C-alpha cells in the first residue's frame, strides 16, 4: 500500500499525524496497529476520518492542499460543509 499524495485525507494524516478539529479540541481516536507514520497508518487514518464524517478541504484549483484545516463531524455539520473527495454523507 502506497501513500496517496492526491488524497486530501491521507495528506492531512501524513502532515498532521492525525485529525484535530479547527473549531474545538476534538480529535479523531484512531484504531490501528499500523506503525506511525507509515503509509498504511495514513491510509487507515484517512479511511476512519472519512467514515466518521470528518471534513478535510479538497485540493485547490492549483492542486495545493490545506493541511491546517479539518473539522470534526459536529463542526462540519454546523458549518454546512459536505464531505470532500465526492464522498457520500451516508
PDB file of N, CA and C in Angstrom:
ATOM      1  N   UNK A   1       0.854  -1.173   0.000  1.00  0.00           N
ATOM      2  CA  UNK A   1       0.000   0.000   0.000  1.00  0.00           C
ATOM      3  C   UNK A   1       0.904   1.241   0.000  1.00  0.00           C
ATOM      4  N   UNK A   2       0.660   2.158  -0.917  1.00  0.00           N
ATOM      5  CA  UNK A   2       1.479   3.361  -1.017  1.00  0.00           C
ATOM      6  C   UNK A   2       0.666   4.593  -0.611  1.00  0.00           C
ATOM      7  N   UNK A   3       1.341   5.540  -0.030  1.00  0.00           N
ATOM      8  CA  UNK A   3       0.726   6.806   0.351  1.00  0.00           C
ATOM      9  C   UNK A   3       0.160   7.488  -0.890  1.00  0.00           C
ATOM     10  N   UNK A   4      -1.080   7.958  -0.802  1.00  0.00           N
ATOM     11  CA  UNK A   4      -1.743   8.617  -1.930  1.00  0.00           C
ATOM     12  C   UNK A   4      -1.626  10.128  -1.767  1.00  0.00           C
ATOM     13  N   UNK A   5      -0.677  10.711  -2.468  1.00  0.00           N
ATOM     14  CA  UNK A   5      -0.388  12.137  -2.397  1.00  0.00           C
ATOM     15  C   UNK A   5      -1.536  12.997  -2.937  1.00  0.00           C
ATOM     16  N   UNK A   6      -2.480  12.388  -3.651  1.00  0.00           N
ATOM     17  CA  UNK A   6      -3.611  13.122  -4.211  1.00  0.00           C
ATOM     18  C   UNK A   6      -4.857  13.053  -3.334  1.00  0.00           C
ATOM     19  N   UNK A   7      -4.804  12.316  -2.255  1.00  0.00           N
ATOM     20  CA  UNK A   7      -5.942  12.168  -1.348  1.00  0.00           C
ATOM     21  C   UNK A   7      -5.797  13.162  -0.196  1.00  0.00           C
ATOM     22  N   UNK A   8      -6.676  14.179  -0.117  1.00  0.00           N
ATOM     23  CA  UNK A   8      -6.529  15.186   0.940  1.00  0.00           C
ATOM     24  C   UNK A   8      -6.591  14.591   2.346  1.00  0.00           C
ATOM     25  N   UNK A   9      -7.325  13.494   2.536  1.00  0.00           N
ATOM     26  CA  UNK A   9      -7.387  12.859   3.854  1.00  0.00           C
ATOM     27  C   UNK A   9      -6.047  12.214   4.217  1.00  0.00           C
ATOM     28  N   UNK A  10      -5.419  11.546   3.259  1.00  0.00           N
ATOM     29  CA  UNK A  10      -4.120  10.931   3.540  1.00  0.00           C
ATOM     30  C   UNK A  10      -3.045  11.999   3.737  1.00  0.00           C
ATOM     31  N   UNK A  11      -3.128  13.068   2.977  1.00  0.00           N
ATOM     32  CA  UNK A  11      -2.172  14.172   3.146  1.00  0.00           C
ATOM     33  C   UNK A  11      -2.333  14.783   4.543  1.00  0.00           C
ATOM     34  N   UNK A  12      -3.580  14.983   4.954  1.00  0.00           N
ATOM     35  CA  UNK A  12      -3.858  15.517   6.300  1.00  0.00           C
ATOM     36  C   UNK A  12      -3.269  14.599   7.367  1.00  0.00           C
ATOM     37  N   UNK A  13      -3.502  13.297   7.225  1.00  0.00           N
ATOM     38  CA  UNK A  13      -2.980  12.335   8.195  1.00  0.00           C
ATOM     39  C   UNK A  13      -1.454  12.361   8.221  1.00  0.00           C
ATOM     40  N   UNK A  14      -0.845  12.419   7.051  1.00  0.00           N
ATOM     41  CA  UNK A  14       0.616  12.383   6.958  1.00  0.00           C
ATOM     42  C   UNK A  14       1.263  13.615   7.585  1.00  0.00           C
ATOM     43  N   UNK A  15       0.778  14.796   7.250  1.00  0.00           N
ATOM     44  CA  UNK A  15       1.430  16.019   7.725  1.00  0.00           C
ATOM     45  C   UNK A  15       1.063  16.386   9.157  1.00  0.00           C
ATOM     46  N   UNK A  16      -0.143  16.061   9.597  1.00  0.00           N
ATOM     47  CA  UNK A  16      -0.543  16.406  10.966  1.00  0.00           C
ATOM     48  C   UNK A  16      -0.543  15.210  11.902  1.00  0.00           C
ATOM     49  N   UNK A  17      -0.258  14.028  11.370  1.00  0.00           N
ATOM     50  CA  UNK A  17      -0.243  12.790  12.158  1.00  0.00           C
ATOM     51  C   UNK A  17      -1.538  12.605  12.927  1.00  0.00           C
ATOM     52  N   UNK A  18      -2.642  12.914  12.271  1.00  0.00           N
ATOM     53  CA  UNK A  18      -3.946  12.718  12.882  1.00  0.00           C
ATOM     54  C   UNK A  18      -4.932  13.760  12.417  1.00  0.00           C
ATOM     55  N   UNK A  19      -6.062  13.781  13.079  1.00  0.00           N
ATOM     56  CA  UNK A  19      -7.131  14.721  12.747  1.00  0.00           C
ATOM     57  C   UNK A  19      -7.560  15.433  14.016  1.00  0.00           C
ATOM     58  N   UNK A  20      -7.339  16.757  14.060  1.00  0.00           N
ATOM     59  CA  UNK A  20      -7.733  17.600  15.183  1.00  0.00           C
ATOM     60  C   UNK A  20      -8.611  18.708  14.643  1.00  0.00           C
ATOM     61  N   UNK A  21      -9.758  18.901  15.261  1.00  0.00           N
ATOM     62  CA  UNK A  21     -10.730  19.870  14.772  1.00  0.00           C
ATOM     63  C   UNK A  21     -10.221  21.292  14.916  1.00  0.00           C
ATOM     64  N   UNK A  22     -10.461  22.111  13.879  1.00  0.00           N
ATOM     65  CA  UNK A  22     -10.051  23.507  13.898  1.00  0.00           C
ATOM     66  C   UNK A  22     -10.928  24.386  14.770  1.00  0.00           C
ATOM     67  N   UNK A  23     -12.133  23.920  15.138  1.00  0.00           N
ATOM     68  CA  UNK A  23     -13.048  24.719  15.947  1.00  0.00           C
ATOM     69  C   UNK A  23     -13.057  24.336  17.420  1.00  0.00           C
ATOM     70  N   UNK A  24     -12.727  23.124  17.708  1.00  0.00           N
ATOM     71  CA  UNK A  24     -12.759  22.664  19.095  1.00  0.00           C
ATOM     72  C   UNK A  24     -11.611  21.698  19.318  1.00  0.00           C
ATOM     73  N   UNK A  25     -11.483  21.206  20.502  1.00  0.00           N
ATOM     74  CA  UNK A  25     -10.343  20.327  20.791  1.00  0.00           C
ATOM     75  C   UNK A  25     -10.610  18.873  20.426  1.00  0.00           C
ATOM     76  N   UNK A  26     -11.645  18.617  19.658  1.00  0.00           N
ATOM     77  CA  UNK A  26     -11.951  17.241  19.257  1.00  0.00           C
ATOM     78  C   UNK A  26     -10.806  16.648  18.445  1.00  0.00           C
ATOM     79  N   UNK A  27     -10.571  15.383  18.666  1.00  0.00           N
ATOM     80  CA  UNK A  27      -9.519  14.674  17.947  1.00  0.00           C
ATOM     81  C   UNK A  27     -10.037  13.289  17.586  1.00  0.00           C
ATOM     82  N   UNK A  28      -9.759  12.845  16.370  1.00  0.00           N
ATOM     83  CA  UNK A  28     -10.170  11.517  15.940  1.00  0.00           C
ATOM     84  C   UNK A  28      -9.336  10.479  16.669  1.00  0.00           C
ATOM     85  N   UNK A  29     -10.006   9.566  17.364  1.00  0.00           N
ATOM     86  CA  UNK A  29      -9.301   8.481  18.041  1.00  0.00           C
ATOM     87  C   UNK A  29      -9.123   7.336  17.055  1.00  0.00           C
ATOM     88  N   UNK A  30      -7.909   7.143  16.617  1.00  0.00           N
ATOM     89  CA  UNK A  30      -7.627   6.124  15.601  1.00  0.00           C
ATOM     90  C   UNK A  30      -7.515   4.741  16.228  1.00  0.00           C
ATOM     91  N   UNK A  31      -8.046   3.774  15.503  1.00  0.00           N
ATOM     92  CA  UNK A  31      -7.932   2.371  15.911  1.00  0.00           C
ATOM     93  C   UNK A  31      -7.119   1.656  14.837  1.00  0.00           C
ATOM     94  N   UNK A  32      -5.846   1.488  15.097  1.00  0.00           N
ATOM     95  CA  UNK A  32      -4.975   0.822  14.125  1.00  0.00           C
ATOM     96  C   UNK A  32      -3.754   0.240  14.813  1.00  0.00           C
ATOM     97  N   UNK A  33      -3.246  -0.823  14.253  1.00  0.00           N
ATOM     98  CA  UNK A  33      -1.999  -1.415  14.724  1.00  0.00           C
ATOM     99  C   UNK A  33      -0.830  -1.001  13.838  1.00  0.00           C
ATOM    100  N   UNK A  34      -1.110  -0.226  12.802  1.00  0.00           N
ATOM    101  CA  UNK A  34      -0.060   0.205  11.870  1.00  0.00           C
ATOM    102  C   UNK A  34       0.913   1.145  12.575  1.00  0.00           C
ATOM    103  N   UNK A  35       2.142   1.104  12.129  1.00  0.00           N
ATOM    104  CA  UNK A  35       3.186   1.961  12.698  1.00  0.00           C
ATOM    105  C   UNK A  35       3.018   3.407  12.239  1.00  0.00           C
ATOM    106  N   UNK A  36       3.104   4.336  13.155  1.00  0.00           N
ATOM    107  CA  UNK A  36       3.062   5.764  12.852  1.00  0.00           C
ATOM    108  C   UNK A  36       4.441   6.180  12.367  1.00  0.00           C
ATOM    109  N   UNK A  37       4.594   6.904  11.321  1.00  0.00           N
ATOM    110  CA  UNK A  37       3.660   7.427  10.324  1.00  0.00           C
ATOM    111  C   UNK A  37       3.766   6.684   8.999  1.00  0.00           C
ATOM    112  N   UNK A  38       3.557   5.410   9.004  1.00  0.00           N
ATOM    113  CA  UNK A  38       3.686   4.601   7.781  1.00  0.00           C
ATOM    114  C   UNK A  38       2.576   4.915   6.777  1.00  0.00           C
ATOM    115  N   UNK A  39       2.787   4.480   5.536  1.00  0.00           N
ATOM    116  CA  UNK A  39       1.754   4.642   4.510  1.00  0.00           C
ATOM    117  C   UNK A  39       0.466   3.947   4.939  1.00  0.00           C
ATOM    118  N   UNK A  40       0.600   2.766   5.529  1.00  0.00           N
ATOM    119  CA  UNK A  40      -0.574   2.019   5.990  1.00  0.00           C
ATOM    120  C   UNK A  40      -1.316   2.810   7.069  1.00  0.00           C
ATOM    121  N   UNK A  41      -0.581   3.403   8.009  1.00  0.00           N
ATOM    122  CA  UNK A  41      -1.198   4.203   9.066  1.00  0.00           C
ATOM    123  C   UNK A  41      -1.966   5.377   8.462  1.00  0.00           C
ATOM    124  N   UNK A  42      -1.360   6.084   7.497  1.00  0.00           N
ATOM    125  CA  UNK A  42      -2.022   7.224   6.850  1.00  0.00           C
ATOM    126  C   UNK A  42      -3.297   6.799   6.141  1.00  0.00           C
ATOM    127  N   UNK A  43      -3.242   5.669   5.437  1.00  0.00           N
ATOM    128  CA  UNK A  43      -4.421   5.173   4.723  1.00  0.00           C
ATOM    129  C   UNK A  43      -5.525   4.798   5.703  1.00  0.00           C
ATOM    130  N   UNK A  44      -5.172   4.134   6.799  1.00  0.00           N
ATOM    131  CA  UNK A  44      -6.169   3.751   7.789  1.00  0.00           C
ATOM    132  C   UNK A  44      -6.756   4.980   8.489  1.00  0.00           C
ATOM    133  N   UNK A  45      -5.908   5.944   8.824  1.00  0.00           N
ATOM    134  CA  UNK A  45      -6.395   7.177   9.457  1.00  0.00           C
ATOM    135  C   UNK A  45      -7.344   7.918   8.519  1.00  0.00           C
ATOM    136  N   UNK A  46      -6.993   8.005   7.247  1.00  0.00           N
ATOM    137  CA  UNK A  46      -7.842   8.677   6.257  1.00  0.00           C
ATOM    138  C   UNK A  46      -9.184   7.972   6.137  1.00  0.00           C
ATOM    139  N   UNK A  47      -9.162   6.662   6.091  1.00  0.00           N
ATOM    140  CA  UNK A  47     -10.394   5.894   5.973  1.00  0.00           C
ATOM    141  C   UNK A  47     -11.295   6.102   7.188  1.00  0.00           C
ATOM    142  N   UNK A  48     -10.718   6.058   8.376  1.00  0.00           N
ATOM    143  CA  UNK A  48     -11.501   6.251   9.596  1.00  0.00           C
ATOM    144  C   UNK A  48     -12.067   7.668   9.675  1.00  0.00           C
ATOM    145  N   UNK A  49     -11.301   8.662   9.238  1.00  0.00           N
ATOM    146  CA  UNK A  49     -11.792  10.047   9.243  1.00  0.00           C
ATOM    147  C   UNK A  49     -12.977  10.197   8.293  1.00  0.00           C
ATOM    148  N   UNK A  50     -12.884   9.598   7.129  1.00  0.00           N
ATOM    149  CA  UNK A  50     -13.999   9.647   6.170  1.00  0.00           C
ATOM    150  C   UNK A  50     -15.242   8.991   6.746  1.00  0.00           C
ATOM    151  N   UNK A  51     -15.076   7.786   7.272  1.00  0.00           N
ATOM    152  CA  UNK A  51     -16.213   7.043   7.814  1.00  0.00           C
ATOM    153  C   UNK A  51     -16.848   7.768   9.005  1.00  0.00           C
ATOM    154  N   UNK A  52     -16.047   8.499   9.744  1.00  0.00           N
ATOM    155  CA  UNK A  52     -16.561   9.247  10.896  1.00  0.00           C
ATOM    156  C   UNK A  52     -17.109  10.612  10.504  1.00  0.00           C
ATOM    157  N   UNK A  53     -17.012  10.932   9.198  1.00  0.00           N
ATOM    158  CA  UNK A  53     -17.518  12.184   8.622  1.00  0.00           C
ATOM    159  C   UNK A  53     -16.738  13.431   9.042  1.00  0.00           C
ATOM    160  N   UNK A  54     -15.441  13.280   9.194  1.00  0.00           N
ATOM    161  CA  UNK A  54     -14.599  14.457   9.380  1.00  0.00           C
ATOM    162  C   UNK A  54     -14.542  15.187   8.046  1.00  0.00           C
ATOM    163  N   UNK A  55     -14.373  16.507   8.104  1.00  0.00           N
ATOM    164  CA  UNK A  55     -14.259  17.307   6.882  1.00  0.00           C
ATOM    165  C   UNK A  55     -12.811  17.717   6.684  1.00  0.00           C
ATOM    166  N   UNK A  56     -12.305  17.433   5.511  1.00  0.00           N
ATOM    167  CA  UNK A  56     -10.980  17.878   5.076  1.00  0.00           C
ATOM    168  C   UNK A  56     -11.212  18.582   3.744  1.00  0.00           C
ATOM    169  N   UNK A  57     -10.735  19.815   3.601  1.00  0.00           N
ATOM    170  CA  UNK A  57     -10.991  20.526   2.346  1.00  0.00           C
ATOM    171  C   UNK A  57     -10.328  19.838   1.154  1.00  0.00           C
ATOM    172  N   UNK A  58     -11.009  19.845   0.016  1.00  0.00           N
ATOM    173  CA  UNK A  58     -10.421  19.248  -1.184  1.00  0.00           C
ATOM    174  C   UNK A  58      -9.251  20.096  -1.683  1.00  0.00           C
ATOM    175  N   UNK A  59      -8.477  19.543  -2.596  1.00  0.00           N
ATOM    176  CA  UNK A  59      -7.362  20.286  -3.188  1.00  0.00           C
ATOM    177  C   UNK A  59      -7.892  21.531  -3.895  1.00  0.00           C
ATOM    178  N   UNK A  60      -7.091  22.588  -3.863  1.00  0.00           N
ATOM    179  CA  UNK A  60      -7.446  23.824  -4.564  1.00  0.00           C
ATOM    180  C   UNK A  60      -7.224  23.643  -6.065  1.00  0.00           C
ATOM    181  N   UNK A  61      -7.654  24.603  -6.847  1.00  0.00           N
ATOM    182  CA  UNK A  61      -7.527  24.529  -8.313  1.00  0.00           C
ATOM    183  C   UNK A  61      -6.079  24.312  -8.746  1.00  0.00           C
ATOM    184  N   UNK A  62      -5.118  24.853  -7.990  1.00  0.00           N
ATOM    185  CA  UNK A  62      -3.708  24.693  -8.349  1.00  0.00           C
ATOM    186  C   UNK A  62      -3.083  23.437  -7.725  1.00  0.00           C
ATOM    187  N   UNK A  63      -3.945  22.559  -7.177  1.00  0.00           N
ATOM    188  CA  UNK A  63      -3.560  21.291  -6.547  1.00  0.00           C
ATOM    189  C   UNK A  63      -2.892  21.437  -5.191  1.00  0.00           C
ATOM    190  N   UNK A  64      -2.818  22.652  -4.639  1.00  0.00           N
ATOM    191  CA  UNK A  64      -2.331  22.817  -3.276  1.00  0.00           C
ATOM    192  C   UNK A  64      -3.372  22.259  -2.322  1.00  0.00           C
ATOM    193  N   UNK A  65      -2.908  21.752  -1.194  1.00  0.00           N
ATOM    194  CA  UNK A  65      -3.834  21.232  -0.190  1.00  0.00           C
ATOM    195  C   UNK A  65      -3.655  21.994   1.107  1.00  0.00           C
ATOM    196  N   UNK A  66      -4.766  22.256   1.762  1.00  0.00           N
ATOM    197  CA  UNK A  66      -4.789  22.942   3.049  1.00  0.00           C
ATOM    198  C   UNK A  66      -4.596  21.890   4.128  1.00  0.00           C
ATOM    199  N   UNK A  67      -3.405  21.845   4.712  1.00  0.00           N
ATOM    200  CA  UNK A  67      -3.140  20.836   5.736  1.00  0.00           C
ATOM    201  C   UNK A  67      -3.329  21.391   7.146  1.00  0.00           C
ATOM    202  N   UNK A  68      -3.849  22.599   7.255  1.00  0.00           N
ATOM    203  CA  UNK A  68      -4.061  23.201   8.567  1.00  0.00           C
ATOM    204  C   UNK A  68      -5.523  23.181   8.984  1.00  0.00           C
ATOM    205  N   UNK A  69      -6.425  22.776   8.090  1.00  0.00           N
ATOM    206  CA  UNK A  69      -7.850  22.845   8.376  1.00  0.00           C
ATOM    207  C   UNK A  69      -8.502  21.483   8.277  1.00  0.00           C
ATOM    208  N   UNK A  70      -9.203  21.112   9.301  1.00  0.00           N
ATOM    209  CA  UNK A  70     -10.133  19.992   9.242  1.00  0.00           C
ATOM    210  C   UNK A  70     -11.126  20.197  10.374  1.00  0.00           C
ATOM    211  N   UNK A  71     -12.291  19.607  10.231  1.00  0.00           N
ATOM    212  CA  UNK A  71     -13.346  19.800  11.221  1.00  0.00           C
ATOM    213  C   UNK A  71     -13.955  18.464  11.601  1.00  0.00           C
ATOM    214  N   UNK A  72     -14.261  18.325  12.892  1.00  0.00           N
ATOM    215  CA  UNK A  72     -14.950  17.135  13.372  1.00  0.00           C
ATOM    216  C   UNK A  72     -16.358  17.111  12.774  1.00  0.00           C
ATOM    217  N   UNK A  73     -17.042  15.994  12.846  1.00  0.00           N
ATOM    218  CA  UNK A  73     -18.375  15.901  12.242  1.00  0.00           C
ATOM    219  C   UNK A  73     -19.357  16.964  12.750  1.00  0.00           C
ATOM    220  N   UNK A  74     -19.356  17.259  14.036  1.00  0.00           N
ATOM    221  CA  UNK A  74     -20.288  18.257  14.581  1.00  0.00           C
ATOM    222  C   UNK A  74     -20.004  19.645  14.008  1.00  0.00           C
ATOM    223  N   UNK A  75     -18.756  20.031  13.945  1.00  0.00           N
ATOM    224  CA  UNK A  75     -18.410  21.351  13.413  1.00  0.00           C
ATOM    225  C   UNK A  75     -18.646  21.416  11.908  1.00  0.00           C
ATOM    226  N   UNK A  76     -18.365  20.335  11.203  1.00  0.00           N
ATOM    227  CA  UNK A  76     -18.618  20.300   9.759  1.00  0.00           C
ATOM    228  C   UNK A  76     -20.110  20.471   9.494  1.00  0.00           C
ATOM    229  N   UNK A  77     -20.949  19.843  10.305  1.00  0.00           N
ATOM    230  CA  UNK A  77     -22.397  19.976  10.158  1.00  0.00           C
ATOM    231  C   UNK A  77     -22.829  21.404  10.461  1.00  0.00           C
ATOM    232  N   UNK A  78     -22.307  21.974  11.536  1.00  0.00           N
ATOM    233  CA  UNK A  78     -22.648  23.364  11.898  1.00  0.00           C
ATOM    234  C   UNK A  78     -22.241  24.348  10.817  1.00  0.00           C
ATOM    235  N   UNK A  79     -21.152  24.078  10.136  1.00  0.00           N
ATOM    236  CA  UNK A  79     -20.665  24.955   9.068  1.00  0.00           C
ATOM    237  C   UNK A  79     -21.293  24.612   7.717  1.00  0.00           C
ATOM    238  N   UNK A  80     -22.129  23.581   7.696  1.00  0.00           N
ATOM    239  CA  UNK A  80     -22.799  23.117   6.470  1.00  0.00           C
ATOM    240  C   UNK A  80     -21.799  22.715   5.387  1.00  0.00           C
ATOM    241  N   UNK A  81     -20.743  22.047   5.817  1.00  0.00           N
ATOM    242  CA  UNK A  81     -19.723  21.546   4.890  1.00  0.00           C
ATOM    243  C   UNK A  81     -20.125  20.149   4.448  1.00  0.00           C
ATOM    244  N   UNK A  82     -19.781  19.810   3.240  1.00  0.00           N
ATOM    245  CA  UNK A  82     -20.061  18.469   2.740  1.00  0.00           C
ATOM    246  C   UNK A  82     -18.768  17.678   2.737  1.00  0.00           C
ATOM    247  N   UNK A  83     -18.855  16.357   2.824  1.00  0.00           N
ATOM    248  CA  UNK A  83     -17.630  15.566   2.757  1.00  0.00           C
ATOM    249  C   UNK A  83     -16.842  15.863   1.482  1.00  0.00           C
ATOM    250  N   UNK A  84     -15.528  15.924   1.605  1.00  0.00           N
ATOM    251  CA  UNK A  84     -14.689  16.194   0.440  1.00  0.00           C
ATOM    252  C   UNK A  84     -14.487  14.939  -0.383  1.00  0.00           C
ATOM    253  N   UNK A  85     -13.841  15.091  -1.509  1.00  0.00           N
ATOM    254  CA  UNK A  85     -13.498  13.999  -2.418  1.00  0.00           C
ATOM    255  C   UNK A  85     -14.723  13.280  -2.960  1.00  0.00           C
ATOM    256  N   UNK A  86     -15.869  13.941  -2.982  1.00  0.00           N
ATOM    257  CA  UNK A  86     -17.059  13.328  -3.538  1.00  0.00           C
ATOM    258  C   UNK A  86     -17.627  12.210  -2.693  1.00  0.00           C
ATOM    259  N   UNK A  87     -17.166  12.103  -1.445  1.00  0.00           N
ATOM    260  CA  UNK A  87     -17.647  11.044  -0.561  1.00  0.00           C
ATOM    261  C   UNK A  87     -19.096  11.298  -0.179  1.00  0.00           C
ATOM    262  N   UNK A  88     -19.841  10.266  -0.075  1.00  0.00           N
ATOM    263  CA  UNK A  88     -21.241  10.359   0.325  1.00  0.00           C
ATOM    264  C   UNK A  88     -21.331  10.658   1.810  1.00  0.00           C
ATOM    265  N   UNK A  89     -22.326  11.400   2.209  1.00  0.00           N
ATOM    266  CA  UNK A  89     -22.539  11.699   3.620  1.00  0.00           C
ATOM    267  C   UNK A  89     -23.255  10.546   4.319  1.00  0.00           C
ATOM    268  N   UNK A  90     -23.563   9.468   3.606  1.00  0.00           N
ATOM    269  CA  UNK A  90     -24.280   8.334   4.211  1.00  0.00           C
ATOM    270  C   UNK A  90     -23.375   7.552   5.111  1.00  0.00           C
TER     271      UNK A  90
END
